[in-house]
Amino acid sequence: MSSLFPVGPAGVAPIAALAAELAAADPSLPVLGPLAADSPHALAAELERCSRDCFDYSPVLVPLLRGRRADLVVRATRLAHVLLVAGACARNGVPLTLRGAGTGNYGQCVPLQGGVVLDLTGLKRLRELDDGSGVVEVEPGCSLAALDRQLAPRGRALRLAPSTYRSASVGGFIAGGSGGIGSIRWGFLRDPGNLLGVEVVTVEPEPRLLRLDASASQPLNHAYGTNGILTALRLPTCEAVAWQQLVVGFAHWGQALEAARGLGSTALELNALCLLEGVICRDLPWPAGCPAPEGEPRLLLLAAPAALEALPGWLRSQGGRMLWQAPQGEGRGLPLRELTWNHTTLHWRAQHPDWTYLQMLLPQPEDACLTALRRRWGDQLLWHLEAVRHQGSARLACLPLLRWQGPEALAALIEHCRELGAFVFNPHVLTVEDGGLGVIDADQVAAKAAHDPAGLLNPGKLRGWLERSG
């Protein structure tokens, strides 16, 4: 093999045997790797592209993940391809990492031990939509936006979507996401009721095709593809709403925070609520027609048409000033949702690459925590809040932007946040557990034992498995 293709820990012989087995079983199967006929340099670039996501948001992850690359990339376009690759990897002892659109931020689809990256974006059929219940069954490679377009003629829409809605895949969102647009109504992906079932392929010499109900599916929800290959997902949908985009300005941060908190206890129907500090607002690409910021904090809302009878007056009573309004999906420039959640981080880092971010759920009331953090960290932290529903209650999540000052400062900040009562979801770690609450989920480990007994799926990302095996 060419030196352009340094083989990972799987070793040269197993990779060669795997590639030969795939070629013999299905010569039409799209496989990228050293044995392909294309230009070695073009192949190297494509292998690199298919082996990364947006982990460069984190200066901690960059040195850990830079240069990690698959030995082979396989692009599945039907279920038979998935079964073939799963069996071949199991028989040859080759690691297998699953990939959707690659819009994640934590290295979920980066192969730590080389082997095969299985691109599932070719599996994108909408298999079923039950008009009575609104339940949809869809393959993992379908983009969220494409799925919504298919739901729209039936008057239905997705409940939850990340700010990467236009490009992210359904399977990638379930395997690597947590919430986003719609979380103010429907909470987080792992809340009961947001995933109703999955079809999963096991990684065994003779792979099994299983259908799991909502309860059995839960360990595969937000597991980074470590404990089963998702080939179909059953999701609830909601009634489609013609959401209105609103930008509201406030003279003072305190007013804006009170308004954001107060909206959670009203009966006004909202699908998103994002609060941004004025400094952040100055460097965002606002939609056409929206006035340029003058340093004021801004509230970004997606509101139902019925809410518009009462919402403007309520906002005025809180000190808010309506700056811009437009129907979602109309007008020029970015949709408002692409200024929220991690798109806020994306736009800020485009101009300030020495900054990164954190994720946490704030304690209630929020003021004391935010004031204490500001007092200690000053302008090294900039506030970005998102309204969510957590265990049935209205809460504020915080995705603060922070100036990178090294790993020691980051660790001190995280510890300070936890001391103040915040739940920190650390985006600067590799494993499923450490990016969550830091505790091992025995059900996730048990699911891996059942569906991936040799531990080949995305190895290195499930700490519970590493500790169990170690």
Protein backbone atom coordinates (compact mmCIF):
# COMPACT_ATOMS: atom_id res chain seq x y z
CA MET A 1 0.00 0.00 0.00
CA SER A 2 1.10 3.55 -0.74
CA SER A 3 2.66 5.60 2.05
CA LEU A 4 -0.15 8.08 1.42
CA PHE A 5 -2.37 5.60 3.24
CA PRO A 6 -0.89 4.79 6.65
CA VAL A 7 -3.04 1.94 7.90
CA GLY A 8 -4.54 2.32 11.35
CA PRO A 9 -4.43 -0.10 14.28
CA ALA A 10 -6.59 -2.60 12.37
CA GLY A 11 -3.49 -3.57 10.38
CA VAL A 12 -2.70 -4.07 6.69
CA ALA A 13 -3.80 -7.69 6.34
CA PRO A 14 -7.31 -7.32 7.83
CA ILE A 15 -7.97 -4.17 5.75
CA ALA A 16 -6.83 -5.91 2.56
CA ALA A 17 -8.92 -8.98 3.37
CA LEU A 18 -11.95 -6.81 4.11
CA ALA A 19 -11.59 -4.84 0.88
CA ALA A 20 -11.26 -8.07 -1.11
CA GLU A 21 -14.30 -9.58 0.58
CA LEU A 22 -16.45 -6.52 -0.15
CA ALA A 23 -15.32 -6.41 -3.78
CA ALA A 24 -16.09 -10.10 -4.27
CA ALA A 25 -19.51 -9.88 -2.62
CA ASP A 26 -20.68 -6.77 -4.51
CA PRO A 27 -18.38 -5.25 -7.16
CA SER A 28 -20.75 -2.25 -7.45
CA LEU A 29 -20.41 -1.30 -3.77
CA PRO A 30 -18.85 2.19 -3.55
CA VAL A 31 -15.59 1.72 -1.63
CA LEU A 32 -12.87 4.36 -1.24
CA GLY A 33 -9.45 3.18 -0.20
CA PRO A 34 -5.93 2.22 -1.26
CA LEU A 35 -7.18 -0.47 -3.64
CA ALA A 36 -9.42 1.92 -5.59
CA ALA A 37 -8.39 3.07 -9.04
CA ASP A 38 -8.59 6.82 -8.44
CA SER A 39 -5.70 9.23 -7.91
CA PRO A 40 -3.95 8.48 -4.60
CA HIS A 41 -3.88 12.17 -3.70
CA ALA A 42 -7.59 12.59 -4.46
CA LEU A 43 -8.34 9.49 -2.42
CA ALA A 44 -6.29 10.74 0.51
CA ALA A 45 -8.25 14.01 0.51
CA GLU A 46 -11.58 12.19 0.33
CA LEU A 47 -10.64 9.77 3.10
CA GLU A 48 -9.68 12.77 5.22
CA ARG A 49 -12.96 14.55 4.47
CA CYS A 50 -15.05 11.50 5.36
CA SER A 51 -13.16 11.01 8.62
CA ARG A 52 -13.89 14.35 10.27
CA ASP A 53 -16.70 16.55 11.52
CA CYS A 54 -16.72 20.03 13.09
CA PHE A 55 -14.55 19.07 16.07
CA ASP A 56 -12.38 22.12 15.39
CA TYR A 57 -14.85 24.11 17.55
CA SER A 58 -12.81 22.65 20.41
CA PRO A 59 -9.11 23.45 20.82
CA VAL A 60 -8.93 20.41 23.13
CA LEU A 61 -10.20 17.99 20.50
CA VAL A 62 -8.14 19.30 17.58
CA PRO A 63 -4.80 17.76 18.64
CA LEU A 64 -6.54 14.55 19.72
CA LEU A 65 -8.40 14.04 16.44
CA ARG A 66 -6.24 15.68 13.80
CA GLY A 67 -4.89 13.03 11.43
CA ARG A 68 -7.27 10.29 12.51
CA ARG A 69 -8.48 8.72 9.29
CA ALA A 70 -10.35 5.72 7.94
CA ASP A 71 -8.57 3.09 5.88
CA LEU A 72 -11.71 2.54 3.81
CA VAL A 73 -14.88 4.53 3.27
CA VAL A 74 -17.98 2.65 2.13
CA ARG A 75 -21.07 4.49 0.90
CA ALA A 76 -24.16 2.40 1.54
CA THR A 77 -27.18 3.04 -0.66
CA ARG A 78 -29.36 0.15 0.52
CA LEU A 79 -29.85 -2.04 3.55
CA ALA A 80 -28.03 -4.98 1.93
CA HIS A 81 -24.85 -2.87 1.84
CA VAL A 82 -25.05 -2.26 5.59
CA LEU A 83 -25.48 -5.96 6.33
CA LEU A 84 -22.57 -6.81 4.04
CA VAL A 85 -20.19 -4.29 5.64
CA ALA A 86 -21.22 -5.17 9.21
CA GLY A 87 -20.56 -8.87 8.61
CA ALA A 88 -17.27 -8.30 6.82
CA CYS A 89 -15.97 -6.03 9.58
CA ALA A 90 -16.94 -8.57 12.23
CA ARG A 91 -15.32 -11.46 10.38
CA ASN A 92 -12.08 -9.52 9.83
CA GLY A 93 -11.95 -7.74 13.20
CA VAL A 94 -11.96 -4.27 11.57
CA PRO A 95 -13.29 -1.18 13.44
CA LEU A 96 -16.43 0.39 11.96
CA THR A 97 -17.43 4.02 12.41
CA LEU A 98 -20.79 5.34 11.20
CA ARG A 99 -21.21 8.68 9.44
CA GLY A 100 -24.10 10.90 8.47
CA ALA A 101 -23.63 14.44 7.19
CA GLY A 102 -20.69 15.10 9.52
CA THR A 103 -22.20 18.20 11.15
CA GLY A 104 -21.42 17.12 14.72
CA ASN A 105 -19.01 19.04 16.94
CA TYR A 106 -17.49 16.39 19.19
CA GLY A 107 -15.71 14.03 16.81
CA GLN A 108 -18.61 11.56 16.91
CA CYS A 109 -17.81 10.21 13.43
CA VAL A 110 -14.01 10.43 13.61
CA PRO A 111 -12.46 6.93 13.48
CA LEU A 112 -10.04 6.76 16.39
CA GLN A 113 -8.65 3.38 15.29
CA GLY A 114 -8.89 3.61 11.51
CA GLY A 115 -10.81 0.83 9.83
CA VAL A 116 -14.02 1.51 7.91
CA VAL A 117 -16.19 4.62 7.87
CA LEU A 118 -19.67 3.66 6.68
CA ASP A 119 -21.43 6.64 5.08
CA LEU A 120 -25.18 6.18 5.53
CA THR A 121 -26.38 9.29 3.68
CA GLY A 122 -27.41 7.11 0.73
CA LEU A 123 -30.13 5.48 2.87
CA LYS A 124 -32.67 8.29 2.74
CA ARG A 125 -36.13 6.88 2.03
CA LEU A 126 -39.22 7.98 3.89
CA ARG A 127 -40.63 4.52 4.50
CA GLU A 128 -43.92 5.36 6.16
CA LEU A 129 -46.05 8.21 7.49
CA ASP A 130 -49.11 7.27 9.52
CA ASP A 131 -51.70 9.99 8.87
CA GLY A 132 -53.62 9.05 11.99
CA SER A 133 -50.76 9.30 14.50
CA GLY A 134 -48.26 11.39 12.54
CA VAL A 135 -45.56 8.79 13.29
CA VAL A 136 -42.90 8.63 10.58
CA GLU A 137 -40.42 5.89 9.74
CA VAL A 138 -37.38 7.13 7.86
CA GLU A 139 -33.93 5.89 6.92
CA PRO A 140 -30.94 7.49 8.69
CA GLY A 141 -29.36 9.32 5.74
CA CYS A 142 -32.38 11.49 4.98
CA SER A 143 -31.63 15.13 5.76
CA LEU A 144 -33.92 16.80 8.28
CA ALA A 145 -34.88 19.48 5.77
CA ALA A 146 -35.69 16.89 3.09
CA LEU A 147 -37.84 14.97 5.56
CA ASP A 148 -39.73 18.13 6.52
CA ARG A 149 -40.39 18.88 2.84
CA GLN A 150 -41.97 15.44 2.49
CA LEU A 151 -44.03 15.93 5.64
CA ALA A 152 -45.32 19.40 4.70
CA PRO A 153 -47.99 18.31 2.15
CA ARG A 154 -49.51 16.13 4.89
CA GLY A 155 -49.60 19.05 7.35
CA ARG A 156 -46.88 17.58 9.59
CA ALA A 157 -43.42 18.70 10.71
CA LEU A 158 -40.48 17.49 12.76
CA ARG A 159 -40.63 18.24 16.46
CA LEU A 160 -36.92 18.84 16.99
CA ALA A 161 -34.08 19.97 14.75
CA PRO A 162 -30.55 21.31 15.22
CA SER A 163 -29.51 24.64 13.75
CA THR A 164 -27.76 22.52 11.07
CA TYR A 165 -31.26 21.49 9.91
CA ARG A 166 -30.55 22.09 6.22
CA SER A 167 -27.68 19.58 6.10
CA ALA A 168 -27.84 17.28 9.14
CA SER A 169 -29.16 13.74 8.70
CA VAL A 170 -31.91 12.16 10.79
CA GLY A 171 -29.69 9.31 11.95
CA GLY A 172 -26.80 11.61 12.80
CA PHE A 173 -29.09 13.87 14.83
CA ILE A 174 -30.45 10.96 16.87
CA ALA A 175 -27.02 9.35 17.34
CA GLY A 176 -25.05 12.51 18.07
CA GLY A 177 -27.44 15.37 18.81
CA SER A 178 -29.38 16.36 21.90
CA GLY A 179 -31.89 19.10 21.07
CA GLY A 180 -32.28 22.41 19.31
CA ILE A 181 -35.14 24.16 17.55
CA GLY A 182 -38.31 22.86 19.18
CA SER A 183 -36.67 22.05 22.54
CA ILE A 184 -38.69 24.85 24.12
CA ARG A 185 -41.79 22.70 23.39
CA TRP A 186 -40.53 19.11 23.24
CA GLY A 187 -37.43 19.02 25.45
CA PHE A 188 -34.40 16.92 24.48
CA LEU A 189 -34.03 13.92 22.19
CA ARG A 190 -33.54 11.53 25.08
CA ASP A 191 -36.80 12.58 26.74
CA PRO A 192 -39.32 9.71 26.55
CA GLY A 193 -41.53 10.02 23.48
CA ASN A 194 -39.06 11.69 21.11
CA LEU A 195 -37.76 8.36 19.70
CA LEU A 196 -40.39 5.69 19.18
CA GLY A 197 -38.33 2.88 17.71
CA VAL A 198 -35.40 1.93 15.52
CA GLU A 199 -34.30 -0.71 13.06
CA VAL A 200 -30.75 -1.75 13.86
CA VAL A 201 -28.10 -3.97 12.29
CA THR A 202 -25.74 -5.83 14.60
CA VAL A 203 -21.99 -6.15 13.98
CA GLU A 204 -21.50 -9.91 14.05
CA PRO A 205 -20.14 -12.45 11.55
CA GLU A 206 -23.78 -13.08 10.63
CA PRO A 207 -25.45 -9.70 11.27
CA ARG A 208 -28.99 -9.57 12.60
CA LEU A 209 -31.64 -7.04 11.56
CA LEU A 210 -33.62 -6.07 14.66
CA ARG A 211 -36.60 -3.82 15.28
CA LEU A 212 -36.63 -2.20 18.71
CA ASP A 213 -39.52 -0.42 20.41
CA ALA A 214 -39.26 2.92 22.19
CA SER A 215 -37.92 1.46 25.43
CA ALA A 216 -35.35 -0.81 23.78
CA SER A 217 -34.28 2.02 21.45
CA GLN A 218 -33.40 4.43 24.24
CA PRO A 219 -29.81 3.14 24.80
CA LEU A 220 -29.05 3.86 21.12
CA ASN A 221 -30.30 7.45 21.43
CA HIS A 222 -27.31 9.82 21.64
CA ALA A 223 -24.77 6.99 21.75
CA TYR A 224 -22.50 8.19 18.89
CA GLY A 225 -23.22 5.02 16.92
CA THR A 226 -21.29 2.91 19.40
CA ASN A 227 -23.91 0.23 20.06
CA GLY A 228 -25.74 -0.57 16.83
CA ILE A 229 -26.11 0.55 13.22
CA LEU A 230 -29.33 2.55 12.83
CA THR A 231 -30.98 1.76 9.49
CA ALA A 232 -34.42 3.24 10.21
CA LEU A 233 -35.95 5.45 12.88
CA ARG A 234 -39.53 5.92 14.05
CA LEU A 235 -40.24 9.47 15.16
CA PRO A 236 -43.29 11.44 16.26
CA THR A 237 -44.17 14.53 14.26
CA CYS A 238 -46.31 17.53 15.16
CA GLU A 239 -48.79 19.70 13.33
CA ALA A 240 -47.02 22.04 10.91
CA VAL A 241 -47.06 25.70 11.98
CA ALA A 242 -46.26 28.75 9.86
CA TRP A 243 -43.68 30.07 12.33
CA GLN A 244 -42.96 33.79 12.41
CA GLN A 245 -39.38 35.00 12.97
CA LEU A 246 -39.02 37.89 15.42
CA VAL A 247 -36.03 39.91 16.59
CA VAL A 248 -36.59 41.97 19.74
CA GLY A 249 -34.15 44.49 21.20
CA PHE A 250 -33.74 45.52 24.84
CA ALA A 251 -31.92 48.44 26.40
CA HIS A 252 -30.47 46.34 29.21
CA TRP A 253 -29.41 42.72 29.70
CA GLY A 254 -31.48 42.38 32.87
CA GLN A 255 -34.67 43.27 30.99
CA ALA A 256 -33.89 40.80 28.24
CA LEU A 257 -33.16 38.01 30.74
CA GLU A 258 -36.41 38.66 32.61
CA ALA A 259 -38.35 38.57 29.35
CA ALA A 260 -36.68 35.30 28.28
CA ARG A 261 -37.47 33.74 31.63
CA GLY A 262 -41.01 35.11 31.72
CA LEU A 263 -41.96 33.80 28.28
CA GLY A 264 -41.49 30.26 29.54
CA SER A 265 -44.46 30.66 31.88
CA THR A 266 -46.87 32.17 29.32
CA ALA A 267 -49.34 30.35 27.07
CA LEU A 268 -47.74 31.91 23.97
CA GLU A 269 -46.79 29.23 21.44
CA LEU A 270 -43.08 29.41 20.63
CA ASN A 271 -40.74 27.04 18.81
CA ALA A 272 -37.46 28.77 19.69
CA LEU A 273 -36.20 31.46 22.06
CA CYS A 274 -32.59 32.58 21.91
CA LEU A 275 -31.09 35.41 23.97
CA LEU A 276 -27.80 36.97 22.85
CA GLU A 277 -25.59 39.48 24.58
CA GLY A 278 -25.08 42.69 22.64
CA VAL A 279 -21.39 42.04 21.94
CA ILE A 280 -22.29 38.82 20.13
CA CYS A 281 -25.06 40.52 18.14
CA ARG A 282 -22.62 42.91 16.52
CA ASP A 283 -20.82 40.08 14.70
CA LEU A 284 -23.75 38.03 13.38
CA PRO A 285 -25.06 38.02 9.77
CA TRP A 286 -28.59 39.34 10.39
CA PRO A 287 -31.37 38.73 7.85
CA ALA A 288 -32.00 41.34 5.17
CA GLY A 289 -34.11 44.16 6.55
CA CYS A 290 -33.17 43.57 10.18
CA PRO A 291 -31.55 46.73 11.64
CA ALA A 292 -27.85 46.54 12.42
CA PRO A 293 -27.20 46.03 16.15
CA GLU A 294 -26.18 49.00 18.26
CA GLY A 295 -24.82 46.99 21.16
CA GLU A 296 -28.22 45.99 22.57
CA PRO A 297 -29.04 42.43 23.70
CA ARG A 298 -31.49 40.71 21.41
CA LEU A 299 -34.18 38.09 21.79
CA LEU A 300 -34.71 35.82 18.75
CA LEU A 301 -38.10 34.09 18.61
CA LEU A 302 -40.03 31.68 16.44
CA ALA A 303 -43.67 32.32 17.29
CA ALA A 304 -46.95 30.84 16.08
CA PRO A 305 -49.27 33.22 14.18
CA ALA A 306 -51.82 33.06 17.02
CA ALA A 307 -49.16 34.32 19.46
CA LEU A 308 -48.77 37.57 17.54
CA GLU A 309 -52.01 39.00 18.94
CA ALA A 310 -50.61 39.18 22.45
CA LEU A 311 -46.82 38.79 22.09
CA PRO A 312 -45.86 42.31 20.91
CA GLY A 313 -47.73 43.97 23.78
CA TRP A 314 -46.28 41.55 26.30
CA LEU A 315 -42.75 42.22 25.03
CA ARG A 316 -43.28 45.99 25.21
CA SER A 317 -44.37 45.61 28.83
CA GLN A 318 -40.99 43.97 29.50
CA GLY A 319 -39.02 46.76 27.83
CA GLY A 320 -38.68 45.02 24.46
CA ARG A 321 -38.72 46.76 21.09
CA MET A 322 -39.73 44.84 17.96
CA LEU A 323 -36.90 45.21 15.43
CA TRP A 324 -37.80 42.76 12.68
CA GLN A 325 -40.43 40.21 11.72
CA ALA A 326 -40.77 37.83 8.76
CA PRO A 327 -42.36 34.44 8.06
CA GLN A 328 -39.92 31.54 8.36
CA GLY A 329 -38.83 30.34 4.94
CA GLU A 330 -39.34 33.69 3.26
CA GLY A 331 -37.06 36.63 2.67
CA ARG A 332 -33.38 36.91 1.86
CA GLY A 333 -30.41 35.83 3.92
CA LEU A 334 -30.12 33.20 6.61
CA PRO A 335 -33.18 31.93 8.43
CA LEU A 336 -33.24 33.11 12.02
CA ARG A 337 -32.69 29.57 13.33
CA GLU A 338 -29.18 29.73 11.81
CA LEU A 339 -28.24 32.42 14.31
CA THR A 340 -29.15 30.17 17.26
CA TRP A 341 -27.76 27.12 19.05
CA ASN A 342 -24.33 26.18 17.69
CA HIS A 343 -24.70 28.36 14.61
CA THR A 344 -24.10 31.26 17.01
CA THR A 345 -20.75 29.67 17.83
CA LEU A 346 -20.05 29.04 14.14
CA HIS A 347 -20.60 32.68 13.13
CA TRP A 348 -18.66 34.06 16.10
CA ARG A 349 -15.67 31.78 15.51
CA ALA A 350 -15.57 32.75 11.84
CA GLN A 351 -14.37 36.16 13.03
CA HIS A 352 -12.84 35.18 16.37
CA PRO A 353 -11.08 31.81 15.87
CA ASP A 354 -9.39 32.05 19.28
CA TRP A 355 -12.77 31.58 20.98
CA THR A 356 -14.67 28.39 21.78
CA TYR A 357 -17.80 27.54 23.76
CA LEU A 358 -19.39 25.57 26.57
CA GLN A 359 -22.83 23.99 27.12
CA MET A 360 -24.80 23.89 30.35
CA LEU A 361 -28.24 23.97 31.92
CA LEU A 362 -28.47 26.91 34.29
CA PRO A 363 -29.74 26.63 37.87
CA GLN A 364 -32.88 28.55 38.79
CA PRO A 365 -33.03 31.46 39.34
CA GLU A 366 -30.36 32.09 36.73
CA ASP A 367 -29.22 35.55 37.84
CA ALA A 368 -26.96 34.46 40.69
CA CYS A 369 -25.05 31.96 38.54
CA LEU A 370 -24.61 34.37 35.62
CA THR A 371 -23.56 37.22 37.93
CA ALA A 372 -21.01 35.06 39.75
CA LEU A 373 -19.52 33.82 36.48
CA ARG A 374 -19.32 37.34 35.10
CA ARG A 375 -17.69 38.60 38.27
CA ARG A 376 -14.90 36.02 38.06
CA TRP A 377 -14.44 35.64 34.28
CA GLY A 378 -15.37 39.11 33.01
CA ASP A 379 -15.50 39.62 29.28
CA GLN A 380 -13.83 36.24 28.69
CA LEU A 381 -17.41 34.87 28.73
CA LEU A 382 -20.21 36.12 26.47
CA TRP A 383 -23.80 35.11 27.12
CA HIS A 384 -25.88 33.03 24.71
CA LEU A 385 -29.01 31.44 26.23
CA GLU A 386 -31.60 29.08 24.73
CA ALA A 387 -35.00 28.28 26.22
CA VAL A 388 -35.71 24.56 26.67
CA ARG A 389 -38.13 22.28 28.46
CA HIS A 390 -36.37 19.98 30.92
CA GLN A 391 -38.33 17.30 32.76
CA GLY A 392 -41.50 19.21 32.00
CA SER A 393 -40.30 22.60 33.28
CA ALA A 394 -39.24 25.72 31.40
CA ARG A 395 -35.48 26.22 31.77
CA LEU A 396 -32.65 28.22 30.21
CA ALA A 397 -29.69 26.44 28.65
CA CYS A 398 -26.48 28.40 28.21
CA LEU A 399 -23.99 28.07 25.35
CA PRO A 400 -21.55 30.80 26.37
CA LEU A 401 -18.77 31.85 24.07
CA LEU A 402 -15.41 31.86 25.83
CA ARG A 403 -11.99 33.10 24.96
CA TRP A 404 -9.56 30.19 24.84
CA GLN A 405 -6.97 30.51 27.59
CA GLY A 406 -5.81 26.91 27.78
CA PRO A 407 -7.05 23.62 29.27
CA GLU A 408 -6.38 24.63 32.87
CA ALA A 409 -8.61 27.71 32.58
CA LEU A 410 -11.30 25.61 30.89
CA ALA A 411 -11.21 23.05 33.71
CA ALA A 412 -11.43 25.83 36.31
CA LEU A 413 -14.41 27.39 34.52
CA ILE A 414 -16.25 24.06 34.31
CA GLU A 415 -15.63 23.42 38.00
CA HIS A 416 -16.88 26.91 38.86
CA CYS A 417 -20.06 26.37 36.82
CA ARG A 418 -20.73 23.10 38.63
CA GLU A 419 -20.12 24.68 42.03
CA LEU A 420 -22.81 27.24 41.14
CA GLY A 421 -25.33 24.49 40.38
CA ALA A 422 -25.12 24.34 36.58
CA PHE A 423 -25.22 21.01 34.74
CA VAL A 424 -22.28 21.16 32.32
CA PHE A 425 -22.36 19.19 29.06
CA ASN A 426 -18.71 19.33 28.11
CA PRO A 427 -18.11 19.62 24.33
CA HIS A 428 -14.34 19.22 24.76
CA VAL A 429 -14.25 15.45 25.45
CA LEU A 430 -14.32 12.31 23.31
CA THR A 431 -16.70 9.96 25.09
CA VAL A 432 -20.48 9.83 25.21
CA GLU A 433 -20.57 9.86 29.01
CA ASP A 434 -18.12 12.70 29.59
CA GLY A 435 -20.00 14.91 27.14
CA GLY A 436 -23.13 14.30 29.22
CA LEU A 437 -23.50 14.05 32.97
CA GLY A 438 -20.25 12.10 33.35
CA VAL A 439 -21.86 8.87 34.53
CA ILE A 440 -21.86 5.51 32.77
CA ASP A 441 -25.20 4.38 31.36
CA ALA A 442 -25.36 0.63 31.98
CA ASP A 443 -28.12 0.28 29.36
CA GLN A 444 -25.86 1.74 26.66
CA VAL A 445 -23.11 -0.71 27.59
CA ALA A 446 -25.55 -3.62 27.62
CA ALA A 447 -26.84 -2.63 24.18
CA LYS A 448 -23.27 -2.63 22.86
CA ALA A 449 -22.69 -6.09 24.28
CA ALA A 450 -25.86 -7.30 22.55
CA HIS A 451 -25.35 -5.61 19.17
CA ASP A 452 -21.55 -5.28 18.91
CA PRO A 453 -20.02 -8.03 21.04
CA ALA A 454 -16.48 -7.55 19.67
CA GLY A 455 -16.55 -3.82 20.41
CA LEU A 456 -15.87 -2.76 16.80
CA LEU A 457 -18.37 0.09 16.52
CA ASN A 458 -16.75 3.52 16.90
CA PRO A 459 -14.20 2.18 19.42
CA GLY A 460 -12.94 4.61 22.05
CA LYS A 461 -16.14 6.65 22.32
CA LEU A 462 -18.10 4.70 24.98
CA ARG A 463 -16.22 4.91 28.28
CA GLY A 464 -18.47 2.35 29.95
CA TRP A 465 -17.36 -0.23 27.41
CA LEU A 466 -13.70 0.63 27.82
CA GLU A 467 -13.90 0.27 31.59
CA ARG A 468 -15.91 -2.93 31.28
CA SER A 469 -13.34 -4.40 28.90
CA GLY A 470 -10.28 -3.01 30.63
